[in-house]
């Protein structure tokens, strides 16, 4: 009997201690996790875009080449004379919307093909509705994937029923103006008898070359 009593006491003590340990463990598990403190403002993460920029040299550059600037001058004059607006280096994502009710993923993928492409010049009305795009094929035009890039632009403009006029290096400004007039349904007196092709025909010719 004297031996049994100490054994019982030991067991009771063990049960009390073990119960307290389990209670503490459960309490710890039930405590909310400590929230991660937000990083102080003005301290970007090392892998952020801001930090990447800071590790590089950033300089300004001209918006267009000297060749493009010449075309811009004539287009600017044309826009002023015809009460239009002229924009340069316009993202095609700002010009077009792409949708497909039956397949939203397809529409998203199709929009991605034009999202990062730009048109050299865009003429709009005073309400900023696009009227005509102009692409200048200068000395640096055919670099990289120019053929695929041109095909994508041409397709987007055709599907949206928006004229896209191509002007090549060496062509006279009067040629460009005449094509824009034809695209807008305006025929100037000094161009009425010219042999300048309609923009749609010009695009077909571009596709064959």
Protein backbone atom coordinates (compact mmCIF):
# COMPACT_ATOMS: atom_id res chain seq x y z
CA UNK A 1 0.00 0.00 0.00
CA UNK A 2 2.86 2.32 0.86
CA UNK A 3 4.32 1.74 -2.62
CA UNK A 4 1.01 2.27 -4.48
CA UNK A 5 0.34 5.73 -3.05
CA UNK A 6 3.59 7.32 -4.34
CA UNK A 7 3.01 5.75 -7.75
CA UNK A 8 -0.48 7.22 -7.93
CA UNK A 9 0.87 10.63 -6.94
CA UNK A 10 3.50 10.48 -9.68
CA UNK A 11 0.86 9.57 -12.27
CA UNK A 12 -1.40 12.41 -11.15
CA UNK A 13 1.46 14.91 -11.37
CA UNK A 14 2.38 13.65 -14.86
CA UNK A 15 -1.23 13.98 -16.05
CA UNK A 16 -1.50 17.54 -14.72
CA UNK A 17 1.77 18.62 -16.33
CA UNK A 18 0.91 16.96 -19.65
CA UNK A 19 -2.54 18.56 -19.68
CA UNK A 20 -1.01 21.98 -19.15
CA UNK A 21 1.44 21.43 -22.00
CA UNK A 22 -1.35 20.49 -24.42
CA UNK A 23 -3.40 23.51 -23.35
CA UNK A 24 -0.48 25.84 -24.02
CA UNK A 25 0.12 24.26 -27.43
CA UNK A 26 -3.55 24.69 -28.40
CA UNK A 27 -3.49 28.28 -27.19
CA UNK A 28 -0.42 29.02 -29.31
CA UNK A 29 -2.04 27.46 -32.36
CA UNK A 30 -5.17 29.57 -31.88
CA UNK A 31 -3.26 32.85 -31.66
CA UNK A 32 -3.42 34.93 -34.84
CA UNK A 33 -0.26 35.01 -36.88
CA UNK A 34 1.80 38.12 -36.51
CA UNK A 35 1.09 40.40 -39.43
CA UNK A 36 4.00 41.20 -41.69
CA UNK A 37 4.89 44.81 -41.27
CA UNK A 38 4.65 46.76 -44.54
CA UNK A 39 7.82 48.15 -45.95
CA UNK A 40 8.25 51.85 -45.29
CA UNK A 41 7.35 54.10 -48.24
CA UNK A 42 10.19 55.19 -50.43
CA UNK A 43 12.13 51.95 -49.88
CA UNK A 44 11.43 49.74 -52.95
CA UNK A 45 12.29 46.08 -52.89
CA UNK A 46 15.59 45.20 -54.56
CA UNK A 47 13.83 43.31 -57.36
CA UNK A 48 11.30 46.09 -58.07
CA UNK A 49 11.12 47.94 -61.38
CA UNK A 50 12.16 51.14 -59.65
CA UNK A 51 15.34 49.55 -58.36
CA UNK A 52 16.12 48.08 -61.79
CA UNK A 53 15.80 51.53 -63.31
CA UNK A 54 18.07 53.05 -60.70
CA UNK A 55 20.78 50.56 -61.63
CA UNK A 56 20.74 51.75 -65.26
CA UNK A 57 21.47 54.93 -67.17
CA UNK A 58 18.30 56.67 -68.38
CA UNK A 59 18.44 59.40 -71.04
CA UNK A 60 15.96 61.18 -73.26
CA UNK A 61 15.93 60.66 -77.01
CA UNK A 62 14.08 62.16 -79.99
CA UNK A 63 10.53 60.93 -80.50
CA UNK A 64 11.21 60.36 -84.20
CA UNK A 65 13.98 60.31 -86.76
CA UNK A 66 14.75 63.26 -89.02
CA UNK A 67 12.99 61.45 -91.86
CA UNK A 68 9.86 60.96 -89.75
CA UNK A 69 10.05 64.57 -88.59
CA UNK A 70 9.81 65.70 -92.22
CA UNK A 71 6.64 63.65 -92.69
CA UNK A 72 5.31 64.98 -89.40
CA UNK A 73 5.75 68.57 -90.59
CA UNK A 74 3.60 67.99 -93.68
CA UNK A 75 0.98 66.03 -91.72
CA UNK A 76 0.84 68.75 -89.08
CA UNK A 77 0.18 71.35 -91.78
CA UNK A 78 -2.46 69.11 -93.35
CA UNK A 79 -4.18 68.57 -89.99
CA UNK A 80 -4.29 72.31 -89.30
CA UNK A 81 -5.70 73.12 -92.74
CA UNK A 82 -8.41 70.45 -92.39
CA UNK A 83 -9.35 71.04 -88.73
CA UNK A 84 -7.93 67.67 -87.67
CA UNK A 85 -5.66 66.51 -84.87
CA UNK A 86 -2.32 64.75 -85.35
CA UNK A 87 -0.73 62.32 -82.90
CA UNK A 88 2.62 60.54 -83.19
CA UNK A 89 3.83 57.13 -82.03
CA UNK A 90 0.35 56.07 -80.94
CA UNK A 91 -0.07 52.74 -79.19
CA UNK A 92 -2.48 50.50 -81.06
CA UNK A 93 -4.02 49.51 -77.73
CA UNK A 94 -5.33 53.09 -77.57
CA UNK A 95 -6.83 52.86 -81.07
CA UNK A 96 -8.51 49.45 -81.07
CA UNK A 97 -10.58 47.29 -78.78
CA UNK A 98 -10.76 43.54 -79.40
CA UNK A 99 -13.64 41.32 -78.33
CA UNK A 100 -15.03 37.84 -78.87
CA UNK A 101 -18.19 37.00 -76.92
CA UNK A 102 -17.73 33.27 -77.45
CA UNK A 103 -14.08 33.13 -76.39
CA UNK A 104 -12.71 35.79 -74.05
CA UNK A 105 -9.30 34.10 -73.91
CA UNK A 106 -9.03 34.32 -77.68
CA UNK A 107 -9.91 38.01 -77.55
CA UNK A 108 -7.28 38.60 -74.88
CA UNK A 109 -4.65 36.78 -76.95
CA UNK A 110 -5.64 38.71 -80.08
CA UNK A 111 -5.43 42.03 -78.22
CA UNK A 112 -1.96 41.06 -77.00
CA UNK A 113 -0.78 40.98 -80.63
CA UNK A 114 -1.52 44.69 -81.06
CA UNK A 115 -1.01 45.91 -77.48
CA UNK A 116 2.71 46.61 -77.82
CA UNK A 117 2.66 47.93 -81.38
CA UNK A 118 2.59 51.56 -82.45
CA UNK A 119 1.52 53.46 -85.54
CA UNK A 120 3.82 56.28 -86.65
CA UNK A 121 1.10 58.91 -87.11
CA UNK A 122 -2.64 59.06 -86.49
CA UNK A 123 -5.07 61.65 -87.78
CA UNK A 124 -8.24 62.13 -85.75
CA UNK A 125 -11.21 64.47 -85.77
CA UNK A 126 -11.72 67.06 -83.05
CA UNK A 127 -13.49 64.46 -80.91
CA UNK A 128 -10.37 62.26 -81.13
CA UNK A 129 -11.99 59.58 -83.30
CA UNK A 130 -9.34 57.96 -85.53
CA UNK A 131 -9.65 58.79 -89.23
CA UNK A 132 -6.42 57.55 -90.78
CA UNK A 133 -3.12 55.97 -89.77
CA UNK A 134 0.17 56.71 -91.51
CA UNK A 135 3.23 54.45 -91.49
CA UNK A 136 6.54 55.76 -92.75
CA UNK A 137 8.86 53.15 -94.28
CA UNK A 138 12.20 54.84 -93.81
CA UNK A 139 15.74 53.54 -93.64
CA UNK A 140 15.21 51.81 -90.28
CA UNK A 141 11.80 50.35 -90.96
CA UNK A 142 12.84 46.87 -92.04
CA UNK A 143 14.74 45.95 -88.90
CA UNK A 144 13.71 42.99 -86.75
CA UNK A 145 10.37 41.30 -87.48
CA UNK A 146 9.13 44.10 -89.73
CA UNK A 147 7.14 41.82 -92.06
CA UNK A 148 5.14 40.23 -89.23
CA UNK A 149 4.73 43.60 -87.51
CA UNK A 150 3.37 45.23 -90.68
CA UNK A 151 1.00 42.34 -91.32
CA UNK A 152 -0.45 42.62 -87.81
CA UNK A 153 -0.95 46.35 -88.14
CA UNK A 154 -2.48 46.03 -91.60
CA UNK A 155 -4.90 43.35 -90.41
CA UNK A 156 -6.05 45.35 -87.38
CA UNK A 157 -6.70 48.46 -89.48
CA UNK A 158 -8.55 46.49 -92.16
CA UNK A 159 -10.77 44.69 -89.63
CA UNK A 160 -11.64 48.01 -88.00
CA UNK A 161 -12.28 49.58 -91.43
CA UNK A 162 -9.70 52.27 -90.70
CA UNK A 163 -7.36 53.41 -93.50
CA UNK A 164 -3.64 52.80 -93.01
CA UNK A 165 -1.42 54.60 -95.50
CA UNK A 166 2.18 53.62 -96.17
CA UNK A 167 4.66 56.21 -97.36
CA UNK A 168 8.14 55.17 -98.44
CA UNK A 169 11.38 57.09 -98.29
CA UNK A 170 11.76 59.25 -101.38
CA UNK A 171 8.04 59.62 -102.12
CA UNK A 172 6.79 63.18 -102.48
CA UNK A 173 4.72 64.73 -99.68
CA UNK A 174 2.02 65.43 -102.28
CA UNK A 175 1.70 61.67 -102.72
CA UNK A 176 0.99 61.23 -99.03
CA UNK A 177 -1.51 64.09 -98.93
CA UNK A 178 -3.33 62.75 -101.99
CA UNK A 179 -3.63 59.29 -100.41
CA UNK A 180 -5.02 60.76 -97.21
CA UNK A 181 -7.57 62.78 -99.21
CA UNK A 182 -8.63 59.66 -101.08
CA UNK A 183 -8.93 57.70 -97.84
CA UNK A 184 -11.12 60.44 -96.36
CA UNK A 185 -13.20 60.71 -99.52
CA UNK A 186 -11.74 64.10 -100.39
CA UNK A 187 -10.25 64.68 -103.83
CA UNK A 188 -8.17 67.82 -104.17
CA UNK A 189 -8.25 69.66 -107.50
CA UNK A 190 -4.53 69.28 -108.09
CA UNK A 191 -4.69 65.53 -107.44
CA UNK A 192 -7.86 64.62 -109.29
CA UNK A 193 -6.03 63.33 -112.36
CA UNK A 194 -3.03 61.83 -110.56
CA UNK A 195 -2.05 58.20 -110.82
CA UNK A 196 -1.71 57.76 -107.07
CA UNK A 197 -3.35 54.49 -105.98
CA UNK A 198 -6.09 54.36 -103.39
CA UNK A 199 -4.77 53.33 -99.91
CA UNK A 200 -6.56 50.00 -100.14
CA UNK A 201 -4.81 49.26 -103.42
CA UNK A 202 -1.53 50.40 -101.92
CA UNK A 203 -1.96 47.90 -99.08
CA UNK A 204 -2.60 45.13 -101.59
CA UNK A 205 0.56 46.11 -103.44
CA UNK A 206 2.51 46.10 -100.16
CA UNK A 207 1.24 42.61 -99.41
CA UNK A 208 2.46 41.34 -102.80
CA UNK A 209 5.95 42.85 -102.42
